[in-house]
Protein backbone atom coordinates (compact mmCIF):
# COMPACT_ATOMS: atom_id res chain seq x y z
CA MET A 1 -28.56 -5.86 -4.46
CA ALA A 2 -26.27 -7.74 -6.78
CA VAL A 3 -23.77 -8.88 -4.02
CA LYS A 4 -23.09 -12.71 -4.22
CA LEU A 5 -21.57 -13.82 -0.82
CA THR A 6 -20.87 -17.27 1.08
CA LYS A 7 -21.31 -15.71 4.35
CA LYS A 8 -21.95 -12.96 6.12
CA VAL A 9 -19.48 -10.12 6.57
CA PRO A 10 -18.39 -9.45 10.46
CA THR A 11 -19.35 -5.66 11.00
CA ASN A 12 -18.42 -2.86 12.94
CA ILE A 13 -19.14 0.92 13.20
CA ILE A 14 -16.12 2.65 14.48
CA THR A 15 -17.29 6.35 15.74
CA GLY A 16 -16.37 9.38 17.74
CA PHE A 17 -16.33 13.44 17.81
CA LEU A 18 -14.38 15.19 15.78
CA GLY A 19 -10.41 14.62 16.37
CA VAL A 20 -11.19 12.03 18.88
CA GLY A 21 -8.43 9.58 16.37
CA LYS A 22 -11.04 7.07 15.14
CA THR A 23 -8.79 6.86 11.83
CA THR A 24 -5.62 6.19 13.57
CA ALA A 25 -7.71 3.60 15.53
CA ILE A 26 -8.75 2.17 12.21
CA LEU A 27 -5.02 1.79 10.99
CA SER A 28 -4.16 0.39 14.18
CA LEU A 29 -6.62 -2.32 13.57
CA LEU A 30 -5.59 -2.90 9.71
CA LYS A 31 -1.88 -3.14 11.08
CA GLN A 32 -2.96 -6.77 13.61
CA LYS A 33 -5.74 -8.12 11.26
CA PRO A 34 -4.47 -11.31 10.20
CA GLU A 35 -2.20 -11.99 7.45
CA ASN A 36 -4.63 -13.82 5.25
CA GLU A 37 -7.31 -11.52 5.13
CA SER A 38 -8.83 -8.77 3.12
CA TRP A 39 -10.46 -5.92 5.24
CA ALA A 40 -12.67 -2.99 3.73
CA VAL A 41 -13.06 0.05 5.37
CA LEU A 42 -16.55 2.59 4.63
CA VAL A 43 -15.05 6.17 5.64
CA ASN A 44 -17.42 8.89 5.85
CA GLU A 45 -15.87 12.39 6.44
CA PHE A 46 -17.46 15.83 6.66
CA GLY A 47 -15.30 17.51 4.44
CA GLU A 48 -16.04 17.55 0.80
CA VAL A 49 -12.46 16.49 -0.53
CA GLY A 50 -11.46 13.54 1.38
CA VAL A 51 -8.88 12.55 2.75
CA ASP A 52 -8.89 9.61 5.47
CA GLY A 53 -9.08 7.56 2.54
CA ALA A 54 -5.26 8.02 1.76
CA PHE A 55 -4.19 6.90 5.30
CA LEU A 56 -6.09 3.76 4.93
CA SER A 57 -5.46 2.44 1.96
CA GLU A 58 -1.70 2.86 2.79
CA GLN A 59 -2.49 -0.31 4.63
CA GLY A 60 -3.42 -2.23 2.08
CA ALA A 61 -7.11 -1.99 3.19
CA LEU A 62 -10.03 -1.81 0.62
CA VAL A 63 -11.51 1.54 0.49
CA LYS A 64 -14.61 3.98 0.10
CA GLU A 65 -14.85 7.35 0.91
CA VAL A 66 -17.97 9.18 1.64
CA PRO A 67 -17.30 12.71 1.53
CA GLY A 68 -19.65 15.75 1.99
CA GLY A 69 -21.76 15.50 4.83
CA CYS A 70 -23.12 12.44 6.48
CA MET A 71 -23.84 9.31 4.57
CA CYS A 72 -26.94 8.25 5.89
CA CYS A 73 -28.91 11.39 5.33
CA VAL A 74 -31.09 11.08 1.73
CA ALA A 75 -32.75 7.46 2.55
CA GLY A 76 -29.06 6.15 2.86
CA LEU A 77 -28.12 6.01 -1.03
CA PRO A 78 -24.37 7.47 -0.99
CA MET A 79 -23.92 4.72 2.62
CA ALA A 80 -25.68 1.84 0.11
CA ILE A 81 -23.54 2.46 -3.24
CA GLY A 82 -20.32 2.37 -0.80
CA ILE A 83 -21.14 -0.63 1.20
CA ASN A 84 -22.31 -2.77 -2.02
CA ALA A 85 -19.10 -1.75 -3.78
CA LEU A 86 -17.43 -3.12 -0.61
CA LEU A 87 -19.21 -6.10 -0.46
CA ALA A 88 -18.65 -7.29 -3.88
CA GLN A 89 -14.86 -7.84 -3.57
CA ASN A 90 -15.92 -10.46 -0.48
CA PRO A 91 -14.02 -8.72 1.95
CA ASP A 92 -13.53 -11.00 5.57
CA ARG A 93 -14.74 -7.81 7.55
CA LEU A 94 -15.91 -4.37 6.94
CA LEU A 95 -15.17 -1.66 9.18
CA ILE A 96 -17.67 1.74 8.93
CA GLU A 97 -16.12 5.19 10.22
CA PRO A 98 -19.07 7.95 10.07
CA THR A 99 -18.06 11.48 10.43
CA GLY A 100 -17.17 12.86 13.93
CA LEU A 101 -20.25 14.89 13.35
CA GLY A 102 -22.65 12.30 12.54
CA HIS A 103 -25.51 10.66 14.49
CA PRO A 104 -25.04 6.53 14.35
CA LYS A 105 -28.50 5.63 15.15
CA ASP A 106 -30.01 5.60 11.41
CA ILE A 107 -26.45 4.13 10.32
CA ILE A 108 -27.00 1.23 12.73
CA GLY A 109 -30.25 0.82 11.51
CA LYS A 110 -29.29 0.78 7.84
CA LEU A 111 -27.12 -2.26 8.46
CA LEU A 112 -29.72 -3.96 10.41
CA SER A 113 -32.28 -3.33 7.45
CA GLU A 114 -33.26 -6.47 5.21
CA HIS A 115 -31.59 -5.08 2.49
CA TYR A 116 -28.20 -6.42 4.26
CA ALA A 117 -29.97 -8.73 6.73
CA ASN A 118 -28.51 -11.99 4.15
CA TYR A 119 -24.88 -9.55 3.58
CA ILE A 120 -23.97 -8.19 7.08
CA GLU A 121 -23.18 -9.60 10.75
CA LEU A 122 -23.54 -6.18 13.00
CA ASN A 123 -21.35 -6.61 15.71
CA ALA A 124 -20.12 -3.99 18.53
CA THR A 125 -20.53 -0.21 17.85
CA ILE A 126 -16.89 0.84 19.30
CA THR A 127 -16.82 4.87 20.48
CA LEU A 128 -13.91 6.58 21.09
CA VAL A 129 -13.74 9.56 23.45
CA ASP A 130 -11.24 12.07 24.77
CA PRO A 131 -11.43 12.02 28.08
CA ARG A 132 -10.76 15.86 28.12
CA ASN A 133 -14.05 16.21 26.72
CA PHE A 134 -16.15 15.81 29.49
CA ALA A 135 -15.02 18.93 30.66
CA ASP A 136 -16.31 20.87 27.83
CA ALA A 137 -19.46 21.89 27.59
CA ARG A 138 -19.24 22.16 23.66
CA TYR A 139 -18.92 18.11 23.57
CA THR A 140 -21.48 17.30 26.69
CA GLU A 141 -24.31 19.62 25.20
CA ASN A 142 -23.48 18.71 21.68
CA GLN A 143 -26.51 15.41 20.85
CA ASN A 144 -24.59 13.79 18.55
CA PHE A 145 -21.62 13.52 20.84
CA ARG A 146 -24.02 12.01 23.29
CA ASP A 147 -25.77 9.60 21.18
CA GLN A 148 -22.22 8.51 20.00
CA LEU A 149 -21.96 7.17 23.80
CA ALA A 150 -25.13 6.02 24.22
CA LEU A 151 -24.88 3.88 21.10
CA ALA A 152 -21.28 2.15 22.01
CA ASP A 153 -21.45 -1.25 22.96
CA VAL A 154 -17.79 -0.82 23.48
CA VAL A 155 -16.28 3.04 24.70
CA VAL A 156 -12.56 3.45 24.49
CA ALA A 157 -10.49 6.58 26.25
CA ASN A 158 -8.21 7.62 23.41
CA LYS A 159 -5.68 9.89 24.48
CA THR A 160 -5.08 9.07 27.90
CA ASP A 161 -1.48 9.91 27.93
CA LEU A 162 -2.54 13.61 27.43
CA SER A 163 -5.96 13.16 30.06
CA SER A 164 -5.64 14.00 33.75
CA VAL A 165 -6.71 12.21 36.88
CA ASP A 166 -9.63 14.16 36.88
CA ASP A 167 -10.20 13.49 33.03
CA ILE A 168 -9.94 9.89 33.55
CA ALA A 169 -12.34 9.78 36.52
CA ALA A 170 -15.09 11.26 34.22
CA PHE A 171 -14.60 8.77 31.96
CA ASP A 172 -15.05 6.31 34.40
CA ASP A 173 -17.80 7.78 35.91
CA TYR A 174 -19.49 7.69 32.45
CA VAL A 175 -18.69 3.89 31.88
CA ALA A 176 -20.48 3.56 35.58
CA SER A 177 -23.62 5.66 35.02
CA SER A 178 -24.73 3.66 31.62
CA GLU A 179 -27.94 2.19 31.92
CA ILE A 180 -27.20 -0.76 29.64
CA PRO A 181 -23.59 -1.59 30.76
CA LYS A 182 -21.17 -1.54 27.81
CA GLN A 183 -19.53 -4.65 26.50
CA ALA A 184 -15.89 -3.44 27.18
CA SER A 185 -14.44 -0.47 27.99
CA GLY A 186 -10.78 0.46 27.98
CA TYR A 187 -7.71 3.29 28.31
CA VAL A 188 -5.39 3.16 24.87
CA GLU A 189 -2.78 6.10 23.38
CA GLN A 190 -2.67 6.31 19.84
CA GLY A 191 -5.34 4.54 19.12
CA GLN A 192 -4.56 1.47 19.60
CA LEU A 193 -7.17 -0.84 19.50
CA ASN A 194 -7.78 -3.70 20.73
CA PRO A 195 -8.89 -6.27 17.88
CA ASP A 196 -11.00 -8.46 20.52
CA TRP A 197 -13.19 -5.66 20.76
CA LEU A 198 -14.17 -6.50 17.18
CA MET A 199 -15.71 -9.98 18.34
CA LEU A 200 -18.04 -8.93 20.51
CA PRO A 201 -21.93 -8.50 20.10
CA ARG A 202 -24.15 -5.32 19.25
CA ILE A 203 -26.87 -5.04 21.77
CA ASP A 204 -29.56 -3.04 21.43
CA ARG A 205 -29.65 0.94 22.92
CA GLU A 206 -31.52 4.07 22.68
CA ALA A 207 -30.86 7.05 21.30
CA GLN A 208 -31.50 10.07 23.48
CA PHE A 209 -31.76 12.75 20.20
CA ALA A 210 -33.29 11.77 17.04
CA HIS A 211 -31.27 12.03 14.03
CA HIS A 212 -32.21 15.72 12.72
CA HIS A 213 -30.39 17.32 9.90
CA SER A 214 -30.11 15.96 6.33
CA HIS A 215 -28.20 17.13 3.18
CA ASP A 216 -29.46 17.51 -0.67
CA ASP A 217 -27.10 15.10 -2.34
CA ASP A 218 -28.73 12.12 -3.62
CA GLU A 219 -26.00 10.41 -5.12
CA MET A 220 -22.32 9.37 -4.24
CA PRO A 221 -20.44 12.54 -3.97
CA ALA A 222 -17.81 13.43 -6.42
CA PHE A 223 -14.93 16.51 -6.11
CA GLU A 224 -12.73 15.80 -8.57
CA LEU A 225 -10.66 17.87 -10.83
CA ALA A 226 -11.36 18.20 -14.46
CA PRO A 227 -8.59 17.88 -17.54
CA GLY A 228 -6.15 20.24 -17.20
CA GLU A 229 -7.69 21.82 -13.93
CA LYS A 230 -4.78 22.65 -11.32
CA PHE A 231 -6.86 22.57 -8.33
CA ARG A 232 -10.52 23.28 -7.19
CA ARG A 233 -12.33 24.11 -3.71
CA LYS A 234 -15.14 23.47 -2.21
CA GLU A 235 -17.01 24.31 1.06
CA ASN A 236 -20.00 22.40 3.49
CA LYS A 237 -21.74 23.63 6.11
CA GLY A 238 -23.91 21.97 8.81
CA GLN A 239 -24.57 20.87 12.13
CA GLY A 240 -22.74 23.80 13.40
CA TYR A 241 -19.55 23.32 11.72
CA VAL A 242 -18.10 24.45 8.25
CA SER A 243 -15.36 23.23 6.41
CA CYS A 244 -13.40 24.20 3.28
CA GLY A 245 -11.23 21.79 1.12
CA TRP A 246 -8.61 21.81 -2.11
CA VAL A 247 -7.63 19.32 -4.21
CA PHE A 248 -4.29 20.09 -6.26
CA GLU A 249 -3.06 18.19 -9.65
CA PRO A 250 -0.95 15.56 -8.76
CA ASN A 251 2.52 17.37 -10.02
CA THR A 252 2.31 20.08 -7.68
CA LEU A 253 4.39 20.24 -5.12
CA PHE A 254 4.98 22.18 -1.64
CA PRO A 255 7.43 22.95 1.02
CA PHE A 256 7.03 20.94 3.88
CA ASP A 257 8.40 23.34 6.07
CA SER A 258 6.38 25.75 4.84
CA LEU A 259 3.19 23.35 4.97
CA TYR A 260 3.77 22.38 8.49
CA GLY A 261 4.50 25.82 9.65
CA LEU A 262 0.77 27.03 8.42
CA PHE A 263 -1.29 24.08 9.68
CA ALA A 264 0.68 24.58 13.14
CA ASN A 265 -0.75 28.36 13.31
CA LEU A 266 -4.49 27.89 12.15
CA ASN A 267 -6.54 28.34 14.80
CA ALA A 268 -9.17 25.66 13.54
CA GLU A 269 -10.48 22.45 15.11
CA ARG A 270 -9.39 20.08 12.42
CA VAL A 271 -7.01 20.21 9.61
CA LYS A 272 -6.35 16.38 7.68
CA ALA A 273 -4.51 16.41 4.49
CA VAL A 274 -2.21 14.54 2.53
CA MET A 275 0.05 16.92 0.34
CA ASN A 276 2.85 16.14 -2.10
CA THR A 277 5.96 17.81 -0.61
CA ASP A 278 9.82 18.55 -1.59
CA ASP A 279 10.11 15.78 0.87
CA GLY A 280 7.68 13.50 -0.73
CA MET A 281 4.10 12.45 0.08
CA PHE A 282 3.05 12.98 3.88
CA ALA A 283 -0.16 12.85 6.15
CA PHE A 284 -0.95 16.30 8.21
CA ASN A 285 -3.45 15.64 11.35
CA VAL A 286 -4.12 18.63 13.01
CA VAL A 287 -5.83 18.91 16.27
CA ASN A 288 -5.52 21.91 19.00
CA GLN A 289 -2.83 23.06 16.83
CA ILE A 290 -0.89 19.85 17.64
CA VAL A 291 0.15 18.39 14.32
CA SER A 292 1.13 14.64 13.67
CA VAL A 293 3.33 13.99 10.34
CA SER A 294 3.50 10.76 8.67
CA PRO A 295 4.88 9.49 5.51
CA ILE A 296 2.98 8.21 2.97
CA SER A 297 4.36 5.62 0.14
CA LEU A 298 1.24 6.69 -2.34
CA THR A 299 2.33 8.11 -5.60
CA GLY A 300 0.94 10.59 -8.55
CA VAL A 301 -2.26 11.46 -6.50
CA GLU A 302 -3.47 14.83 -5.95
CA SER A 303 -2.76 16.55 -2.53
CA ARG A 304 -5.73 17.08 -0.81
CA ALA A 305 -6.25 19.36 2.61
CA GLU A 306 -9.64 19.90 4.07
CA VAL A 307 -10.16 22.69 7.53
CA ILE A 308 -13.01 22.13 9.25
CA ASP A 309 -14.04 24.53 12.19
CA LYS A 310 -17.56 26.05 13.85
CA LYS A 311 -16.72 29.14 12.20
CA PRO A 312 -16.00 30.42 8.47
CA LEU A 313 -12.28 31.13 8.03
CA PRO A 314 -10.89 33.43 5.88
CA TRP A 315 -10.75 30.96 3.17
CA ASP A 316 -9.75 33.26 0.53
CA GLU A 317 -6.36 34.42 1.95
CA LEU A 318 -5.88 30.57 3.24
CA GLU A 319 -5.86 29.68 -0.65
CA GLU A 320 -3.65 32.58 -1.68
CA ILE A 321 -1.25 31.30 1.03
CA LEU A 322 -1.42 27.62 -0.24
CA LEU A 323 -0.74 28.82 -3.70
CA SER A 324 1.74 30.95 -3.15
CA PHE A 325 3.66 27.35 -1.74
CA VAL A 326 3.40 26.13 -4.58
CA MET A 327 7.05 25.54 -5.84
CA LYS A 328 7.55 26.24 -9.84
């Protein structure tokens, strides 16, 4: 491993299921980091196009993306490439955001392996959960959801402003029932994590289920436009979910109002996009058809959109709609 470090880099895994607010939580941590420190983020997305990196780069983080499924598969090669590239820049802290459909067991194992023994100090794994999900069998029967919680050193109830008293009680019951007590737990809104949680140590915990899926990719996935190419689409599937994503060349403009209306009416589990619009560049984040929008100061970059759901949507029709929005 061709990385020269004078000290081990404190490292945390920030995990949680689809739409729970992991990227927002990492953004809140980046805003609270000491001004003299440089933090790195390795972000893994289930979809192929990679959207979250634009959010995180906005806060000045060193970012590497591993799109296209679980980054710990195939002996962890995509993950290793990303980690090595970030460690080579001598960050003061490394945050790892696995896909919401990812299993954290093998990621923890990789970071504890002899390859990183001299480079990484693995601290607490922080798992975010939407308390409303404890009443939904789609989550409570999902093995990854359950192991994300089981392997957490810190478990955080996010979106508490949208949760009922019963939802919070279900979260409290889970924390109280943990065989190995959690290092900490808390309630937050808008992913406002306590940075002190990053300093807590990791404790050995047992997963209930094995990591049971694999992918065919054997190198860092790439999804870039060829010279002169206007847009490209790519799909992915696995773990009971499907995704479809698009990348559009940087000078493609979309009307903001039309995009907002489209995303708000898409009946999909998850929609993420960073789009060049007639009002500037914006990040669109959609969970349960509730659209959050934030301005992005990046310029000259591609527009990217990703839709994730349990079943394939009419991708051709959605593509036609997006192309019909393109401003001449």
